[in-house]
Structures are given as C-alpha cells and as structure tokens.
Amino acid sequence: MTERATASQEEYQMFIRCYQGRSDVVAQRQADGSFKIVPESFTYKRFLEQLEGRNVYCLYNLNADGAVGFILFDADLFPRPSPGGRWDELIPKLRAKKEQVISLTQALGKLGITEEQILVEFPTVGFHVVLAFEKPLPVRKVKAFARLARERAGLTYELPFYPHEVCGYGDRVLL
C-alpha cells in the first residue's frame, strides 16, 4: 500500500506565505510536458495534488502591482544528469553548487540578511536559496538586490535567480 502525502491547512498557509505568487492564475503541467495557464490561485486542493504527485503546478511570481513576494536563487545542475547516472561524477558537481550557496549566504549576511531569513532547499539536483518577503516588493528593486547579492558572492554568471521577468505574469516558477 502506498502512503499518500498529506498536509494541514497550517502547512499550506506557511508555504503560501513563503511562495507568494499571483492570486488569479497558476500553470499546470499537461500530458505532453508543457504548461497551461489555468484560472485561480494555488489553492489548498492544488497544493495537495502537488504533494501527492497527481499534478505539477508552477506559480507566476509577478502580481498586478508589479511586485514579487520572494527571490529564488537557482543553483541547480545543468544539464541534468541522466537517470542512473554515476554518483562519482555527480557528487563533485553538487559540492561545487554547495560552495556557491555558501558564498551567496555569506554575501547575503554582509547585506544584512540573517540566517533565519534564508531558506535553502535541495529540491532535485542542486539547491535553491529563497528569501521570502512579508509583503510583495517592487520587482525592479528586488532584481537589483538579487544582482548585488550575486555579484558580492562572486557568482555573476553562474547563478540565475527569479524574478527575471518584469512584465506580464512574471516568471513561471516550478514548485
């Protein structure tokens, strides 16, 4: 028997506070792997579908006021290793990404961001460094801060971040 993922409303609210996306649309993965914009926000029902593996959703991060609720620095391995790939090749690459994350968190600390304000995730093959805001901030100011942090960490070209887009729905951020 397979155990199903479950989450409380409180856990859902905590997730939504961290990943503040648009309240009018999300993107849902289609059978062919593409994503389609669907109306409504990332509801509790969609949250459970995502956790249980029944659906895959993405948030659009730019609200109607031109503000975003989080920065996500994306320290993933590209190209992705093939399934069943060799660990002896993967581990050194992951260590290098970990060093980038350490450099970034140190730079953020020098910019006044405390450890408690930084979320580091290991979602697939690589890392995400997330800064969530209490309320959405203007996207252009957020981008300028993210570029400064990345520059201070010495990672100008190696570490993409979101927000990237500054118009429309913003970036499609895979959950």
C-alpha atoms as a PDB file:
ATOM      1  CA  MET A   1       0.000   0.000   0.000  1.00  0.00           C
ATOM      2  CA  THR A   2       1.338   3.452  -0.960  1.00  0.00           C
ATOM      3  CA  GLU A   3       1.196   6.176   1.654  1.00  0.00           C
ATOM      4  CA  ARG A   4      -0.244   9.457   0.419  1.00  0.00           C
ATOM      5  CA  ALA A   5       1.280  12.799   1.243  1.00  0.00           C
ATOM      6  CA  THR A   6      -0.826  14.946   3.488  1.00  0.00           C
ATOM      7  CA  ALA A   7      -0.560  18.463   4.765  1.00  0.00           C
ATOM      8  CA  SER A   8      -2.603  20.612   7.072  1.00  0.00           C
ATOM      9  CA  GLN A   9      -4.127  23.966   6.239  1.00  0.00           C
ATOM     10  CA  GLU A  10      -1.466  25.485   8.522  1.00  0.00           C
ATOM     11  CA  GLU A  11       1.340  23.928   6.436  1.00  0.00           C
ATOM     12  CA  TYR A  12      -0.345  25.162   3.271  1.00  0.00           C
ATOM     13  CA  GLN A  13      -0.557  28.704   4.689  1.00  0.00           C
ATOM     14  CA  MET A  14       3.129  28.569   5.646  1.00  0.00           C
ATOM     15  CA  PHE A  15       4.014  27.502   2.080  1.00  0.00           C
ATOM     16  CA  ILE A  16       1.882  30.264   0.554  1.00  0.00           C
ATOM     17  CA  ARG A  17       3.464  32.890   2.845  1.00  0.00           C
ATOM     18  CA  CYS A  18       6.894  31.867   1.533  1.00  0.00           C
ATOM     19  CA  TYR A  19       5.939  31.463  -2.127  1.00  0.00           C
ATOM     20  CA  GLN A  20       3.621  34.397  -2.754  1.00  0.00           C
ATOM     21  CA  GLY A  21       2.503  34.098  -6.349  1.00  0.00           C
ATOM     22  CA  ARG A  22      -0.268  35.619  -8.408  1.00  0.00           C
ATOM     23  CA  SER A  23      -3.741  35.159  -6.992  1.00  0.00           C
ATOM     24  CA  ASP A  24      -5.503  34.881 -10.361  1.00  0.00           C
ATOM     25  CA  VAL A  25      -3.573  32.190 -12.296  1.00  0.00           C
ATOM     26  CA  VAL A  26      -1.169  29.255 -11.964  1.00  0.00           C
ATOM     27  CA  ALA A  27       0.348  26.969 -14.599  1.00  0.00           C
ATOM     28  CA  GLN A  28      -0.484  23.261 -14.706  1.00  0.00           C
ATOM     29  CA  ARG A  29       1.688  20.666 -16.449  1.00  0.00           C
ATOM     30  CA  GLN A  30      -0.007  18.967 -19.374  1.00  0.00           C
ATOM     31  CA  ALA A  31       0.416  15.371 -20.563  1.00  0.00           C
ATOM     32  CA  ASP A  32       2.977  16.467 -23.185  1.00  0.00           C
ATOM     33  CA  GLY A  33       5.132  18.199 -20.528  1.00  0.00           C
ATOM     34  CA  SER A  34       4.113  21.722 -21.487  1.00  0.00           C
ATOM     35  CA  PHE A  35       2.390  24.078 -19.052  1.00  0.00           C
ATOM     36  CA  LYS A  36      -1.018  25.678 -19.467  1.00  0.00           C
ATOM     37  CA  ILE A  37      -2.250  28.743 -17.602  1.00  0.00           C
ATOM     38  CA  VAL A  38      -5.310  27.914 -15.524  1.00  0.00           C
ATOM     39  CA  PRO A  39      -7.501  30.363 -13.586  1.00  0.00           C
ATOM     40  CA  GLU A  40      -7.423  30.760  -9.809  1.00  0.00           C
ATOM     41  CA  SER A  41      -4.549  30.700  -7.383  1.00  0.00           C
ATOM     42  CA  PHE A  42      -2.540  27.850  -5.915  1.00  0.00           C
ATOM     43  CA  THR A  43      -5.374  26.563  -3.748  1.00  0.00           C
ATOM     44  CA  TYR A  44      -5.171  24.063  -0.891  1.00  0.00           C
ATOM     45  CA  LYS A  45      -6.627  21.423  -3.257  1.00  0.00           C
ATOM     46  CA  ARG A  46      -3.854  22.102  -5.798  1.00  0.00           C
ATOM     47  CA  PHE A  47      -1.277  22.069  -3.016  1.00  0.00           C
ATOM     48  CA  LEU A  48      -2.402  18.549  -2.024  1.00  0.00           C
ATOM     49  CA  GLU A  49      -2.431  17.402  -5.674  1.00  0.00           C
ATOM     50  CA  GLN A  50       1.173  18.619  -5.983  1.00  0.00           C
ATOM     51  CA  LEU A  51       2.264  16.835  -2.789  1.00  0.00           C
ATOM     52  CA  GLU A  52       0.541  13.616  -3.802  1.00  0.00           C
ATOM     53  CA  GLY A  53       2.120  13.688  -7.281  1.00  0.00           C
ATOM     54  CA  ARG A  54      -1.240  13.870  -9.055  1.00  0.00           C
ATOM     55  CA  ASN A  55      -0.418  17.210 -10.708  1.00  0.00           C
ATOM     56  CA  VAL A  56       2.510  19.574 -11.185  1.00  0.00           C
ATOM     57  CA  TYR A  57       1.986  23.313 -10.820  1.00  0.00           C
ATOM     58  CA  CYS A  58       4.013  26.472 -11.279  1.00  0.00           C
ATOM     59  CA  LEU A  59       3.425  29.853  -9.724  1.00  0.00           C
ATOM     60  CA  TYR A  60       3.671  33.101 -11.611  1.00  0.00           C
ATOM     61  CA  ASN A  61       5.542  35.419  -9.299  1.00  0.00           C
ATOM     62  CA  LEU A  62       4.672  38.938 -10.523  1.00  0.00           C
ATOM     63  CA  ASN A  63       1.483  40.415  -9.110  1.00  0.00           C
ATOM     64  CA  ALA A  64      -0.733  43.001 -10.826  1.00  0.00           C
ATOM     65  CA  ASP A  65       1.097  45.820  -8.997  1.00  0.00           C
ATOM     66  CA  GLY A  66       4.499  44.836 -10.445  1.00  0.00           C
ATOM     67  CA  ALA A  67       5.733  43.330  -7.178  1.00  0.00           C
ATOM     68  CA  VAL A  68       7.068  39.914  -6.135  1.00  0.00           C
ATOM     69  CA  GLY A  69       6.899  38.053  -2.835  1.00  0.00           C
ATOM     70  CA  PHE A  70      10.217  36.192  -2.983  1.00  0.00           C
ATOM     71  CA  ILE A  71      13.649  35.817  -4.580  1.00  0.00           C
ATOM     72  CA  LEU A  72      14.745  32.340  -5.617  1.00  0.00           C
ATOM     73  CA  PHE A  73      18.422  31.800  -6.482  1.00  0.00           C
ATOM     74  CA  ASP A  74      18.647  28.661  -8.619  1.00  0.00           C
ATOM     75  CA  ALA A  75      21.848  26.643  -8.052  1.00  0.00           C
ATOM     76  CA  ASP A  76      20.745  23.554  -9.985  1.00  0.00           C
ATOM     77  CA  LEU A  77      22.940  21.281 -12.082  1.00  0.00           C
ATOM     78  CA  PHE A  78      22.551  21.746 -15.820  1.00  0.00           C
ATOM     79  CA  PRO A  79      22.475  19.743 -17.893  1.00  0.00           C
ATOM     80  CA  ARG A  80      20.634  17.346 -15.635  1.00  0.00           C
ATOM     81  CA  PRO A  81      22.421  14.040 -15.043  1.00  0.00           C
ATOM     82  CA  SER A  82      20.826  11.082 -16.767  1.00  0.00           C
ATOM     83  CA  PRO A  83      18.727   8.716 -14.645  1.00  0.00           C
ATOM     84  CA  GLY A  84      21.016   6.131 -13.122  1.00  0.00           C
ATOM     85  CA  GLY A  85      23.961   8.462 -13.695  1.00  0.00           C
ATOM     86  CA  ARG A  86      27.242   7.925 -11.928  1.00  0.00           C
ATOM     87  CA  TRP A  87      27.472   9.278  -8.394  1.00  0.00           C
ATOM     88  CA  ASP A  88      31.231   9.683  -8.663  1.00  0.00           C
ATOM     89  CA  GLU A  89      30.571  12.286 -11.397  1.00  0.00           C
ATOM     90  CA  LEU A  90      27.585  13.910  -9.695  1.00  0.00           C
ATOM     91  CA  ILE A  91      28.992  14.438  -6.177  1.00  0.00           C
ATOM     92  CA  PRO A  92      31.819  16.850  -7.151  1.00  0.00           C
ATOM     93  CA  LYS A  93      29.340  18.954  -9.148  1.00  0.00           C
ATOM     94  CA  LEU A  94      26.949  19.087  -6.187  1.00  0.00           C
ATOM     95  CA  ARG A  95      29.825  20.097  -3.894  1.00  0.00           C
ATOM     96  CA  ALA A  96      30.632  22.974  -6.256  1.00  0.00           C
ATOM     97  CA  LYS A  97      26.985  24.090  -6.157  1.00  0.00           C
ATOM     98  CA  LYS A  98      27.043  23.843  -2.355  1.00  0.00           C
ATOM     99  CA  GLU A  99      30.073  26.169  -2.318  1.00  0.00           C
ATOM    100  CA  GLN A 100      28.106  28.656  -4.432  1.00  0.00           C
ATOM    101  CA  VAL A 101      25.264  28.511  -1.916  1.00  0.00           C
ATOM    102  CA  ILE A 102      27.688  29.116   0.961  1.00  0.00           C
ATOM    103  CA  SER A 103      29.217  32.108  -0.868  1.00  0.00           C
ATOM    104  CA  LEU A 104      25.761  33.504  -1.555  1.00  0.00           C
ATOM    105  CA  THR A 105      24.505  33.112   2.023  1.00  0.00           C
ATOM    106  CA  GLN A 106      27.680  34.793   3.308  1.00  0.00           C
ATOM    107  CA  ALA A 107      27.159  37.693   0.879  1.00  0.00           C
ATOM    108  CA  LEU A 108      23.521  37.972   1.964  1.00  0.00           C
ATOM    109  CA  GLY A 109      24.693  38.110   5.586  1.00  0.00           C
ATOM    110  CA  LYS A 110      27.000  41.023   4.758  1.00  0.00           C
ATOM    111  CA  LEU A 111      23.983  42.733   3.175  1.00  0.00           C
ATOM    112  CA  GLY A 112      22.017  42.455   6.435  1.00  0.00           C
ATOM    113  CA  ILE A 113      20.029  39.275   5.772  1.00  0.00           C
ATOM    114  CA  THR A 114      20.073  36.932   8.766  1.00  0.00           C
ATOM    115  CA  GLU A 115      20.294  33.130   8.644  1.00  0.00           C
ATOM    116  CA  GLU A 116      16.710  32.942   9.896  1.00  0.00           C
ATOM    117  CA  GLN A 117      15.562  34.846   6.813  1.00  0.00           C
ATOM    118  CA  ILE A 118      17.168  32.421   4.347  1.00  0.00           C
ATOM    119  CA  LEU A 119      15.614  29.145   3.225  1.00  0.00           C
ATOM    120  CA  VAL A 120      17.949  26.691   1.486  1.00  0.00           C
ATOM    121  CA  GLU A 121      16.216  23.841  -0.355  1.00  0.00           C
ATOM    122  CA  PHE A 122      17.562  20.738  -2.036  1.00  0.00           C
ATOM    123  CA  PRO A 123      14.629  20.100  -4.406  1.00  0.00           C
ATOM    124  CA  THR A 124      16.105  17.833  -7.086  1.00  0.00           C
ATOM    125  CA  VAL A 125      19.683  18.043  -8.289  1.00  0.00           C
ATOM    126  CA  GLY A 126      21.049  21.266  -6.885  1.00  0.00           C
ATOM    127  CA  PHE A 127      19.941  23.919  -4.426  1.00  0.00           C
ATOM    128  CA  HIS A 128      17.503  26.805  -4.118  1.00  0.00           C
ATOM    129  CA  VAL A 129      18.151  29.777  -1.867  1.00  0.00           C
ATOM    130  CA  VAL A 130      14.885  31.577  -1.103  1.00  0.00           C
ATOM    131  CA  LEU A 131      14.214  34.930   0.517  1.00  0.00           C
ATOM    132  CA  ALA A 132      10.504  35.420   1.209  1.00  0.00           C
ATOM    133  CA  PHE A 133       9.108  38.867   1.959  1.00  0.00           C
ATOM    134  CA  GLU A 134       6.370  39.743   4.436  1.00  0.00           C
ATOM    135  CA  LYS A 135       4.692  41.715   1.670  1.00  0.00           C
ATOM    136  CA  PRO A 136       5.479  41.870  -2.052  1.00  0.00           C
ATOM    137  CA  LEU A 137       8.183  44.352  -3.086  1.00  0.00           C
ATOM    138  CA  PRO A 138       8.694  46.194  -6.407  1.00  0.00           C
ATOM    139  CA  VAL A 139      10.208  43.753  -8.892  1.00  0.00           C
ATOM    140  CA  ARG A 140      12.897  46.116 -10.163  1.00  0.00           C
ATOM    141  CA  LYS A 141      14.216  46.774  -6.634  1.00  0.00           C
ATOM    142  CA  VAL A 142      14.169  43.044  -5.854  1.00  0.00           C
ATOM    143  CA  LYS A 143      16.113  42.285  -9.052  1.00  0.00           C
ATOM    144  CA  ALA A 144      18.677  44.967  -8.211  1.00  0.00           C
ATOM    145  CA  PHE A 145      19.166  43.464  -4.740  1.00  0.00           C
ATOM    146  CA  ALA A 146      19.469  39.928  -6.152  1.00  0.00           C
ATOM    147  CA  ARG A 147      22.072  41.087  -8.697  1.00  0.00           C
ATOM    148  CA  LEU A 148      24.031  42.852  -5.929  1.00  0.00           C
ATOM    149  CA  ALA A 149      23.986  39.744  -3.699  1.00  0.00           C
ATOM    150  CA  ARG A 150      25.066  37.531  -6.583  1.00  0.00           C
ATOM    151  CA  GLU A 151      27.852  39.963  -7.519  1.00  0.00           C
ATOM    152  CA  ARG A 152      29.101  40.196  -3.916  1.00  0.00           C
ATOM    153  CA  ALA A 153      29.185  36.391  -3.809  1.00  0.00           C
ATOM    154  CA  GLY A 154      31.337  36.380  -6.971  1.00  0.00           C
ATOM    155  CA  LEU A 155      28.686  34.408  -8.884  1.00  0.00           C
ATOM    156  CA  THR A 156      27.655  36.883 -11.555  1.00  0.00           C
ATOM    157  CA  TYR A 157      27.263  34.352 -14.364  1.00  0.00           C
ATOM    158  CA  GLU A 158      26.888  31.014 -12.565  1.00  0.00           C
ATOM    159  CA  LEU A 159      23.744  31.629 -10.517  1.00  0.00           C
ATOM    160  CA  PRO A 160      20.425  32.556 -12.143  1.00  0.00           C
ATOM    161  CA  PHE A 161      17.646  33.958  -9.987  1.00  0.00           C
ATOM    162  CA  TYR A 162      13.955  34.773 -10.066  1.00  0.00           C
ATOM    163  CA  PRO A 163      12.449  37.277 -10.540  1.00  0.00           C
ATOM    164  CA  HIS A 164      13.772  37.518 -14.056  1.00  0.00           C
ATOM    165  CA  GLU A 165      10.758  38.775 -15.997  1.00  0.00           C
ATOM    166  CA  VAL A 166       9.411  42.220 -15.123  1.00  0.00           C
ATOM    167  CA  CYS A 167       6.174  42.252 -17.133  1.00  0.00           C
ATOM    168  CA  GLY A 168       3.091  40.156 -17.751  1.00  0.00           C
ATOM    169  CA  TYR A 169       2.638  37.362 -15.215  1.00  0.00           C
ATOM    170  CA  GLY A 170       6.344  37.332 -14.405  1.00  0.00           C
ATOM    171  CA  ASP A 171       8.328  34.113 -14.152  1.00  0.00           C
ATOM    172  CA  ARG A 172       6.788  30.651 -14.119  1.00  0.00           C
ATOM    173  CA  VAL A 173       8.351  29.110 -11.009  1.00  0.00           C
ATOM    174  CA  LEU A 174       8.132  25.314 -10.784  1.00  0.00           C
ATOM    175  CA  LEU A 175       7.049  24.195  -7.324  1.00  0.00           C
END
